[in-house]
């Protein structure tokens, strides 16, 4: 059997140089690759978080300033004008005790009676009865009388007669049993309205009731009062002077009965201020 012979050849110097050169080239290549990686991959630095600009929280104003109000001028209220100026001394006081001054009478339709210092007028349905006192003749005055309806309803009327130049002509301050007051001028039993009916809390509603009627007369100016309170005024000079009296009138289909007492009359001396011509 033959033998295999391995012949080992020793490397020469040139071969060793080539190997060394290859190793050096490999090391340089690795080094350059590391540098390139370091340059191409920048270092990741941790940056602080971005701060967003948050608007400041609004300050709460607990007592906000307000506009100073402009001071308003003080308005002075004018005093209530005097409705009954110039009243002087009492010129007449009648307690309805003298039949001579009032001439009482009785008929089928009406009766006028004086008793216990009261004058009572009672009328049947549809009848108007009045009585004018025997003097004095009055022009400028303030007169008052108390009226007490004891039988009265709806549009039935009663009241104060004044400036009556005769028994067929006079002014009348009339109260109705429906709570209204008005003024009229009478002539020969015909009525001429001077003021439309005015609803008033001072007028007794129906009967029984009581009211103090007052009339202020000065020249053509006539003013009407109830329980001392002004109701309305008119201007009329058909009758310049006359006597005072009382009346009761049935307008509805029922009788009417009214009692009058405490008649008083005062002088009036008053000159109205001159009105500037526009």
C-alpha atoms as a PDB file:
ATOM      1  CA  UNK A   1       0.000   0.000   0.000  1.00  0.00           C
ATOM      2  CA  UNK A   2       1.496   3.239  -0.911  1.00  0.00           C
ATOM      3  CA  UNK A   3       1.900   6.208   1.590  1.00  0.00           C
ATOM      4  CA  UNK A   4       0.513   9.684   1.122  1.00  0.00           C
ATOM      5  CA  UNK A   5       2.957  12.317   1.664  1.00  0.00           C
ATOM      6  CA  UNK A   6       1.805  15.861   2.837  1.00  0.00           C
ATOM      7  CA  UNK A   7       4.214  18.444   1.845  1.00  0.00           C
ATOM      8  CA  UNK A   8       3.858  21.671   3.869  1.00  0.00           C
ATOM      9  CA  UNK A   9       5.228  24.649   2.156  1.00  0.00           C
ATOM     10  CA  UNK A  10       6.390  27.483   4.376  1.00  0.00           C
ATOM     11  CA  UNK A  11       4.868  30.762   3.448  1.00  0.00           C
ATOM     12  CA  UNK A  12       7.135  33.219   1.939  1.00  0.00           C
ATOM     13  CA  UNK A  13       7.686  36.798   3.009  1.00  0.00           C
ATOM     14  CA  UNK A  14       5.659  38.214   0.194  1.00  0.00           C
ATOM     15  CA  UNK A  15       2.694  36.214   1.259  1.00  0.00           C
ATOM     16  CA  UNK A  16       2.923  37.519   4.805  1.00  0.00           C
ATOM     17  CA  UNK A  17       3.041  41.083   3.591  1.00  0.00           C
ATOM     18  CA  UNK A  18      -0.126  40.604   1.619  1.00  0.00           C
ATOM     19  CA  UNK A  19      -1.949  39.228   4.646  1.00  0.00           C
ATOM     20  CA  UNK A  20      -0.778  42.116   6.800  1.00  0.00           C
ATOM     21  CA  UNK A  21      -1.878  44.617   4.203  1.00  0.00           C
ATOM     22  CA  UNK A  22      -5.305  42.980   4.009  1.00  0.00           C
ATOM     23  CA  UNK A  23      -5.708  43.109   7.788  1.00  0.00           C
ATOM     24  CA  UNK A  24      -4.726  46.772   7.909  1.00  0.00           C
ATOM     25  CA  UNK A  25      -7.155  47.605   5.127  1.00  0.00           C
ATOM     26  CA  UNK A  26      -9.939  45.821   6.997  1.00  0.00           C
ATOM     27  CA  UNK A  27      -9.182  47.752  10.195  1.00  0.00           C
ATOM     28  CA  UNK A  28      -9.210  51.068   8.343  1.00  0.00           C
ATOM     29  CA  UNK A  29     -12.516  50.165   6.701  1.00  0.00           C
ATOM     30  CA  UNK A  30     -14.111  49.380  10.088  1.00  0.00           C
ATOM     31  CA  UNK A  31     -12.779  52.595  11.585  1.00  0.00           C
ATOM     32  CA  UNK A  32     -14.086  54.699   8.736  1.00  0.00           C
ATOM     33  CA  UNK A  33     -17.463  52.992   8.962  1.00  0.00           C
ATOM     34  CA  UNK A  34     -17.694  53.839  12.654  1.00  0.00           C
ATOM     35  CA  UNK A  35     -16.879  57.476  11.988  1.00  0.00           C
ATOM     36  CA  UNK A  36     -19.434  57.678   9.238  1.00  0.00           C
ATOM     37  CA  UNK A  37     -22.108  56.233  11.478  1.00  0.00           C
ATOM     38  CA  UNK A  38     -21.218  58.699  14.190  1.00  0.00           C
ATOM     39  CA  UNK A  39     -21.532  61.608  11.796  1.00  0.00           C
ATOM     40  CA  UNK A  40     -24.674  60.403  10.038  1.00  0.00           C
ATOM     41  CA  UNK A  41     -26.552  59.628  13.267  1.00  0.00           C
ATOM     42  CA  UNK A  42     -26.748  62.777  15.356  1.00  0.00           C
ATOM     43  CA  UNK A  43     -26.961  62.370  19.057  1.00  0.00           C
ATOM     44  CA  UNK A  44     -30.551  62.434  20.273  1.00  0.00           C
ATOM     45  CA  UNK A  45     -30.652  65.072  23.011  1.00  0.00           C
ATOM     46  CA  UNK A  46     -33.480  65.237  25.491  1.00  0.00           C
ATOM     47  CA  UNK A  47     -35.130  68.648  25.048  1.00  0.00           C
ATOM     48  CA  UNK A  48     -37.333  70.220  27.695  1.00  0.00           C
ATOM     49  CA  UNK A  49     -41.089  70.019  26.922  1.00  0.00           C
ATOM     50  CA  UNK A  50     -42.503  72.891  24.912  1.00  0.00           C
ATOM     51  CA  UNK A  51     -44.366  75.329  27.131  1.00  0.00           C
ATOM     52  CA  UNK A  52     -47.674  76.420  25.644  1.00  0.00           C
ATOM     53  CA  UNK A  53     -48.622  80.070  26.263  1.00  0.00           C
ATOM     54  CA  UNK A  54     -51.725  79.685  28.482  1.00  0.00           C
ATOM     55  CA  UNK A  55     -53.682  82.948  28.920  1.00  0.00           C
ATOM     56  CA  UNK A  56     -53.692  84.182  32.490  1.00  0.00           C
ATOM     57  CA  UNK A  57     -56.795  83.440  34.554  1.00  0.00           C
ATOM     58  CA  UNK A  58     -59.140  86.462  34.691  1.00  0.00           C
ATOM     59  CA  UNK A  59     -59.296  88.210  38.043  1.00  0.00           C
ATOM     60  CA  UNK A  60     -62.783  88.101  39.575  1.00  0.00           C
ATOM     61  CA  UNK A  61     -64.068  91.602  40.365  1.00  0.00           C
ATOM     62  CA  UNK A  62     -66.442  91.203  43.234  1.00  0.00           C
ATOM     63  CA  UNK A  63     -67.620  94.830  43.267  1.00  0.00           C
ATOM     64  CA  UNK A  64     -67.451  96.134  39.697  1.00  0.00           C
ATOM     65  CA  UNK A  65     -67.462  99.893  39.328  1.00  0.00           C
ATOM     66  CA  UNK A  66     -70.750 101.444  38.216  1.00  0.00           C
ATOM     67  CA  UNK A  67     -71.522 104.646  36.413  1.00  0.00           C
ATOM     68  CA  UNK A  68     -72.145 107.528  38.712  1.00  0.00           C
ATOM     69  CA  UNK A  69     -75.791 108.585  38.154  1.00  0.00           C
ATOM     70  CA  UNK A  70     -76.387 112.081  36.965  1.00  0.00           C
ATOM     71  CA  UNK A  71     -78.141 114.007  39.715  1.00  0.00           C
ATOM     72  CA  UNK A  72     -81.678 114.912  38.701  1.00  0.00           C
ATOM     73  CA  UNK A  73     -83.168 118.265  39.530  1.00  0.00           C
ATOM     74  CA  UNK A  74     -85.567 118.180  42.448  1.00  0.00           C
ATOM     75  CA  UNK A  75     -89.098 118.828  41.238  1.00  0.00           C
ATOM     76  CA  UNK A  76     -91.138 120.862  43.649  1.00  0.00           C
ATOM     77  CA  UNK A  77     -94.800 119.896  43.600  1.00  0.00           C
ATOM     78  CA  UNK A  78     -97.086 122.864  43.438  1.00  0.00           C
ATOM     79  CA  UNK A  79     -99.512 123.105  46.339  1.00  0.00           C
ATOM     80  CA  UNK A  80    -103.102 122.106  45.731  1.00  0.00           C
ATOM     81  CA  UNK A  81    -105.005 125.243  44.765  1.00  0.00           C
ATOM     82  CA  UNK A  82    -107.560 126.518  47.219  1.00  0.00           C
ATOM     83  CA  UNK A  83    -110.960 125.451  45.919  1.00  0.00           C
ATOM     84  CA  UNK A  84    -112.986 127.615  48.280  1.00  0.00           C
ATOM     85  CA  UNK A  85    -111.119 130.924  48.486  1.00  0.00           C
ATOM     86  CA  UNK A  86    -112.487 134.082  50.040  1.00  0.00           C
ATOM     87  CA  UNK A  87    -115.004 132.521  52.435  1.00  0.00           C
ATOM     88  CA  UNK A  88    -115.985 135.106  55.038  1.00  0.00           C
ATOM     89  CA  UNK A  89    -118.474 135.357  57.854  1.00  0.00           C
ATOM     90  CA  UNK A  90    -121.546 133.180  58.215  1.00  0.00           C
ATOM     91  CA  UNK A  91    -124.628 135.047  57.017  1.00  0.00           C
ATOM     92  CA  UNK A  92    -127.271 132.338  57.436  1.00  0.00           C
ATOM     93  CA  UNK A  93    -127.864 129.378  59.732  1.00  0.00           C
ATOM     94  CA  UNK A  94    -131.097 127.444  59.409  1.00  0.00           C
ATOM     95  CA  UNK A  95    -132.046 124.492  61.605  1.00  0.00           C
ATOM     96  CA  UNK A  96    -135.364 123.966  59.762  1.00  0.00           C
ATOM     97  CA  UNK A  97    -137.445 124.947  62.738  1.00  0.00           C
ATOM     98  CA  UNK A  98    -139.457 127.787  61.147  1.00  0.00           C
ATOM     99  CA  UNK A  99    -142.418 126.712  58.959  1.00  0.00           C
ATOM    100  CA  UNK A 100    -142.850 130.294  57.795  1.00  0.00           C
ATOM    101  CA  UNK A 101    -139.534 130.242  55.916  1.00  0.00           C
ATOM    102  CA  UNK A 102    -140.242 126.946  54.124  1.00  0.00           C
ATOM    103  CA  UNK A 103    -144.017 126.802  53.664  1.00  0.00           C
ATOM    104  CA  UNK A 104    -144.564 123.052  54.210  1.00  0.00           C
ATOM    105  CA  UNK A 105    -147.374 121.399  52.257  1.00  0.00           C
ATOM    106  CA  UNK A 106    -148.953 118.022  51.580  1.00  0.00           C
ATOM    107  CA  UNK A 107    -150.585 116.707  48.417  1.00  0.00           C
ATOM    108  CA  UNK A 108    -151.359 113.377  46.780  1.00  0.00           C
ATOM    109  CA  UNK A 109    -148.094 113.474  44.872  1.00  0.00           C
ATOM    110  CA  UNK A 110    -145.688 114.918  47.432  1.00  0.00           C
ATOM    111  CA  UNK A 111    -145.272 116.194  50.955  1.00  0.00           C
ATOM    112  CA  UNK A 112    -142.857 118.735  52.466  1.00  0.00           C
ATOM    113  CA  UNK A 113    -142.709 118.604  56.230  1.00  0.00           C
ATOM    114  CA  UNK A 114    -140.652 120.192  59.026  1.00  0.00           C
ATOM    115  CA  UNK A 115    -140.147 118.150  62.156  1.00  0.00           C
ATOM    116  CA  UNK A 116    -137.374 117.824  64.743  1.00  0.00           C
ATOM    117  CA  UNK A 117    -135.128 120.333  62.976  1.00  0.00           C
ATOM    118  CA  UNK A 118    -135.341 118.468  59.691  1.00  0.00           C
ATOM    119  CA  UNK A 119    -137.085 119.154  56.413  1.00  0.00           C
ATOM    120  CA  UNK A 120    -138.439 115.958  54.830  1.00  0.00           C
ATOM    121  CA  UNK A 121    -139.468 115.698  51.185  1.00  0.00           C
ATOM    122  CA  UNK A 122    -141.414 112.603  50.127  1.00  0.00           C
ATOM    123  CA  UNK A 123    -142.551 112.179  46.513  1.00  0.00           C
ATOM    124  CA  UNK A 124    -144.426 109.551  44.543  1.00  0.00           C
ATOM    125  CA  UNK A 125    -142.986 107.859  41.445  1.00  0.00           C
ATOM    126  CA  UNK A 126    -142.260 110.307  38.632  1.00  0.00           C
ATOM    127  CA  UNK A 127    -142.696 113.442  40.790  1.00  0.00           C
ATOM    128  CA  UNK A 128    -140.202 116.284  41.346  1.00  0.00           C
ATOM    129  CA  UNK A 129    -140.725 118.373  44.496  1.00  0.00           C
ATOM    130  CA  UNK A 130    -138.604 121.283  45.714  1.00  0.00           C
ATOM    131  CA  UNK A 131    -138.853 124.095  48.182  1.00  0.00           C
ATOM    132  CA  UNK A 132    -137.082 127.485  48.013  1.00  0.00           C
ATOM    133  CA  UNK A 133    -136.431 129.334  51.256  1.00  0.00           C
ATOM    134  CA  UNK A 134    -137.947 132.761  51.779  1.00  0.00           C
ATOM    135  CA  UNK A 135    -134.795 134.876  51.341  1.00  0.00           C
ATOM    136  CA  UNK A 136    -132.230 136.141  51.488  1.00  0.00           C
ATOM    137  CA  UNK A 137    -131.107 136.773  47.901  1.00  0.00           C
ATOM    138  CA  UNK A 138    -127.525 135.590  47.602  1.00  0.00           C
ATOM    139  CA  UNK A 139    -124.990 136.280  44.837  1.00  0.00           C
ATOM    140  CA  UNK A 140    -121.490 135.290  46.004  1.00  0.00           C
ATOM    141  CA  UNK A 141    -121.560 132.732  48.803  1.00  0.00           C
ATOM    142  CA  UNK A 142    -120.676 129.273  50.070  1.00  0.00           C
ATOM    143  CA  UNK A 143    -123.678 127.158  51.139  1.00  0.00           C
ATOM    144  CA  UNK A 144    -123.833 123.731  52.782  1.00  0.00           C
ATOM    145  CA  UNK A 145    -126.649 121.367  53.734  1.00  0.00           C
ATOM    146  CA  UNK A 146    -126.763 117.763  54.960  1.00  0.00           C
ATOM    147  CA  UNK A 147    -128.932 115.288  53.028  1.00  0.00           C
ATOM    148  CA  UNK A 148    -129.992 111.834  54.250  1.00  0.00           C
ATOM    149  CA  UNK A 149    -131.878 109.668  51.711  1.00  0.00           C
ATOM    150  CA  UNK A 150    -134.083 107.123  53.473  1.00  0.00           C
ATOM    151  CA  UNK A 151    -135.914 105.820  50.404  1.00  0.00           C
ATOM    152  CA  UNK A 152    -134.058 106.098  47.140  1.00  0.00           C
ATOM    153  CA  UNK A 153    -132.790 103.884  44.327  1.00  0.00           C
ATOM    154  CA  UNK A 154    -131.175 103.958  40.887  1.00  0.00           C
ATOM    155  CA  UNK A 155    -131.456 107.299  39.058  1.00  0.00           C
ATOM    156  CA  UNK A 156    -133.636 108.971  41.721  1.00  0.00           C
ATOM    157  CA  UNK A 157    -132.183 112.364  42.672  1.00  0.00           C
ATOM    158  CA  UNK A 158    -132.058 114.902  45.504  1.00  0.00           C
ATOM    159  CA  UNK A 159    -129.939 117.916  46.355  1.00  0.00           C
ATOM    160  CA  UNK A 160    -129.330 121.592  46.955  1.00  0.00           C
ATOM    161  CA  UNK A 161    -131.120 124.448  45.162  1.00  0.00           C
ATOM    162  CA  UNK A 162    -129.357 127.842  44.915  1.00  0.00           C
ATOM    163  CA  UNK A 163    -129.519 131.222  43.156  1.00  0.00           C
ATOM    164  CA  UNK A 164    -133.259 130.809  42.674  1.00  0.00           C
ATOM    165  CA  UNK A 165    -134.587 134.163  41.484  1.00  0.00           C
ATOM    166  CA  UNK A 166    -138.131 132.724  41.635  1.00  0.00           C
ATOM    167  CA  UNK A 167    -140.016 129.504  42.276  1.00  0.00           C
ATOM    168  CA  UNK A 168    -139.704 128.463  38.625  1.00  0.00           C
ATOM    169  CA  UNK A 169    -135.991 129.074  38.031  1.00  0.00           C
ATOM    170  CA  UNK A 170    -132.901 127.910  39.924  1.00  0.00           C
ATOM    171  CA  UNK A 171    -129.601 126.040  39.845  1.00  0.00           C
ATOM    172  CA  UNK A 172    -129.426 122.556  41.375  1.00  0.00           C
ATOM    173  CA  UNK A 173    -126.598 120.410  42.687  1.00  0.00           C
ATOM    174  CA  UNK A 174    -128.062 116.922  42.218  1.00  0.00           C
ATOM    175  CA  UNK A 175    -126.984 113.586  43.719  1.00  0.00           C
ATOM    176  CA  UNK A 176    -128.350 110.358  42.252  1.00  0.00           C
ATOM    177  CA  UNK A 177    -128.886 107.141  44.178  1.00  0.00           C
ATOM    178  CA  UNK A 178    -126.610 105.323  41.692  1.00  0.00           C
ATOM    179  CA  UNK A 179    -123.573 107.113  43.153  1.00  0.00           C
ATOM    180  CA  UNK A 180    -123.232 110.050  40.727  1.00  0.00           C
ATOM    181  CA  UNK A 181    -123.347 113.841  41.035  1.00  0.00           C
ATOM    182  CA  UNK A 182    -124.176 116.492  38.454  1.00  0.00           C
ATOM    183  CA  UNK A 183    -125.290 120.122  38.035  1.00  0.00           C
ATOM    184  CA  UNK A 184    -128.258 121.549  36.171  1.00  0.00           C
ATOM    185  CA  UNK A 185    -130.181 124.750  35.556  1.00  0.00           C
ATOM    186  CA  UNK A 186    -133.966 124.556  35.900  1.00  0.00           C
ATOM    187  CA  UNK A 187    -136.509 126.818  34.271  1.00  0.00           C
ATOM    188  CA  UNK A 188    -140.260 126.123  34.189  1.00  0.00           C
ATOM    189  CA  UNK A 189    -139.706 122.490  35.158  1.00  0.00           C
ATOM    190  CA  UNK A 190    -137.292 121.981  32.271  1.00  0.00           C
ATOM    191  CA  UNK A 191    -133.757 120.807  33.007  1.00  0.00           C
ATOM    192  CA  UNK A 192    -130.677 122.238  31.270  1.00  0.00           C
ATOM    193  CA  UNK A 193    -127.658 120.042  32.158  1.00  0.00           C
ATOM    194  CA  UNK A 194    -124.546 122.004  33.075  1.00  0.00           C
ATOM    195  CA  UNK A 195    -122.267 119.096  33.999  1.00  0.00           C
ATOM    196  CA  UNK A 196    -122.535 115.417  33.117  1.00  0.00           C
ATOM    197  CA  UNK A 197    -122.971 112.900  35.972  1.00  0.00           C
ATOM    198  CA  UNK A 198    -119.712 112.130  37.792  1.00  0.00           C
ATOM    199  CA  UNK A 199    -119.255 108.939  39.766  1.00  0.00           C
ATOM    200  CA  UNK A 200    -118.110 109.802  43.300  1.00  0.00           C
ATOM    201  CA  UNK A 201    -117.377 107.791  46.422  1.00  0.00           C
ATOM    202  CA  UNK A 202    -118.880 110.667  48.427  1.00  0.00           C
ATOM    203  CA  UNK A 203    -122.344 110.062  46.995  1.00  0.00           C
ATOM    204  CA  UNK A 204    -124.393 107.537  49.008  1.00  0.00           C
ATOM    205  CA  UNK A 205    -125.250 104.521  46.927  1.00  0.00           C
ATOM    206  CA  UNK A 206    -128.961 104.036  47.489  1.00  0.00           C
ATOM    207  CA  UNK A 207    -130.391 104.454  50.970  1.00  0.00           C
ATOM    208  CA  UNK A 208    -129.868 104.968  53.798  1.00  0.00           C
ATOM    209  CA  UNK A 209    -126.962 107.327  53.476  1.00  0.00           C
ATOM    210  CA  UNK A 210    -125.653 110.786  54.294  1.00  0.00           C
ATOM    211  CA  UNK A 211    -123.745 113.503  52.448  1.00  0.00           C
ATOM    212  CA  UNK A 212    -122.833 117.111  53.102  1.00  0.00           C
ATOM    213  CA  UNK A 213    -123.473 119.108  49.917  1.00  0.00           C
ATOM    214  CA  UNK A 214    -121.567 122.345  49.333  1.00  0.00           C
ATOM    215  CA  UNK A 215    -121.705 125.016  46.603  1.00  0.00           C
ATOM    216  CA  UNK A 216    -119.180 127.837  46.170  1.00  0.00           C
ATOM    217  CA  UNK A 217    -120.510 130.641  43.940  1.00  0.00           C
ATOM    218  CA  UNK A 218    -118.577 133.698  42.820  1.00  0.00           C
ATOM    219  CA  UNK A 219    -119.803 135.517  39.729  1.00  0.00           C
ATOM    220  CA  UNK A 220    -120.108 132.993  36.860  1.00  0.00           C
ATOM    221  CA  UNK A 221    -117.864 130.454  38.611  1.00  0.00           C
ATOM    222  CA  UNK A 222    -119.647 127.644  40.447  1.00  0.00           C
ATOM    223  CA  UNK A 223    -117.841 124.896  42.353  1.00  0.00           C
ATOM    224  CA  UNK A 224    -119.379 121.811  43.913  1.00  0.00           C
ATOM    225  CA  UNK A 225    -118.275 119.858  47.011  1.00  0.00           C
ATOM    226  CA  UNK A 226    -119.272 116.742  48.911  1.00  0.00           C
ATOM    227  CA  UNK A 227    -118.181 116.226  52.506  1.00  0.00           C
ATOM    228  CA  UNK A 228    -115.743 119.096  52.025  1.00  0.00           C
ATOM    229  CA  UNK A 229    -114.089 117.505  48.965  1.00  0.00           C
ATOM    230  CA  UNK A 230    -114.074 119.181  45.582  1.00  0.00           C
ATOM    231  CA  UNK A 231    -116.051 117.374  42.863  1.00  0.00           C
ATOM    232  CA  UNK A 232    -116.181 119.628  39.797  1.00  0.00           C
ATOM    233  CA  UNK A 233    -116.721 123.217  38.648  1.00  0.00           C
ATOM    234  CA  UNK A 234    -118.649 125.034  35.917  1.00  0.00           C
ATOM    235  CA  UNK A 235    -119.124 128.567  34.606  1.00  0.00           C
ATOM    236  CA  UNK A 236    -122.621 129.937  34.095  1.00  0.00           C
ATOM    237  CA  UNK A 237    -124.248 133.307  34.750  1.00  0.00           C
ATOM    238  CA  UNK A 238    -127.851 132.762  33.722  1.00  0.00           C
ATOM    239  CA  UNK A 239    -128.913 133.469  37.310  1.00  0.00           C
ATOM    240  CA  UNK A 240    -126.812 136.026  39.138  1.00  0.00           C
ATOM    241  CA  UNK A 241    -128.499 135.875  42.536  1.00  0.00           C
ATOM    242  CA  UNK A 242    -131.330 134.142  44.364  1.00  0.00           C
ATOM    243  CA  UNK A 243    -132.421 132.091  47.378  1.00  0.00           C
ATOM    244  CA  UNK A 244    -131.370 128.618  48.472  1.00  0.00           C
ATOM    245  CA  UNK A 245    -133.537 125.511  48.844  1.00  0.00           C
ATOM    246  CA  UNK A 246    -133.700 121.717  48.539  1.00  0.00           C
ATOM    247  CA  UNK A 247    -135.375 119.167  46.251  1.00  0.00           C
ATOM    248  CA  UNK A 248    -136.130 115.451  45.727  1.00  0.00           C
ATOM    249  CA  UNK A 249    -137.077 113.762  42.460  1.00  0.00           C
ATOM    250  CA  UNK A 250    -138.357 110.283  41.663  1.00  0.00           C
ATOM    251  CA  UNK A 251    -137.051 109.120  38.298  1.00  0.00           C
ATOM    252  CA  UNK A 252    -137.695 105.435  38.744  1.00  0.00           C
ATOM    253  CA  UNK A 253    -141.005 103.730  39.493  1.00  0.00           C
ATOM    254  CA  UNK A 254    -140.599 103.952  43.248  1.00  0.00           C
ATOM    255  CA  UNK A 255    -141.219 106.750  45.775  1.00  0.00           C
ATOM    256  CA  UNK A 256    -138.372 108.837  47.189  1.00  0.00           C
ATOM    257  CA  UNK A 257    -137.885 110.221  50.701  1.00  0.00           C
ATOM    258  CA  UNK A 258    -134.999 112.510  51.720  1.00  0.00           C
ATOM    259  CA  UNK A 259    -134.300 114.398  54.972  1.00  0.00           C
ATOM    260  CA  UNK A 260    -132.373 117.720  55.025  1.00  0.00           C
ATOM    261  CA  UNK A 261    -130.750 119.471  57.984  1.00  0.00           C
ATOM    262  CA  UNK A 262    -128.119 122.017  59.106  1.00  0.00           C
ATOM    263  CA  UNK A 263    -128.232 124.628  56.362  1.00  0.00           C
ATOM    264  CA  UNK A 264    -125.382 127.184  56.568  1.00  0.00           C
ATOM    265  CA  UNK A 265    -124.376 130.034  54.231  1.00  0.00           C
ATOM    266  CA  UNK A 266    -121.181 132.136  54.255  1.00  0.00           C
ATOM    267  CA  UNK A 267    -120.110 135.271  52.408  1.00  0.00           C
ATOM    268  CA  UNK A 268    -117.511 134.995  49.660  1.00  0.00           C
ATOM    269  CA  UNK A 269    -115.166 137.892  48.817  1.00  0.00           C
ATOM    270  CA  UNK A 270    -112.807 136.809  46.091  1.00  0.00           C
ATOM    271  CA  UNK A 271    -111.287 138.362  42.991  1.00  0.00           C
ATOM    272  CA  UNK A 272    -109.751 135.913  40.543  1.00  0.00           C
ATOM    273  CA  UNK A 273    -106.162 136.784  39.486  1.00  0.00           C
ATOM    274  CA  UNK A 274    -105.815 138.280  36.046  1.00  0.00           C
ATOM    275  CA  UNK A 275    -104.899 135.765  33.346  1.00  0.00           C
ATOM    276  CA  UNK A 276    -102.066 136.760  31.021  1.00  0.00           C
ATOM    277  CA  UNK A 277    -103.140 137.133  27.405  1.00  0.00           C
ATOM    278  CA  UNK A 278    -101.244 134.630  25.217  1.00  0.00           C
END
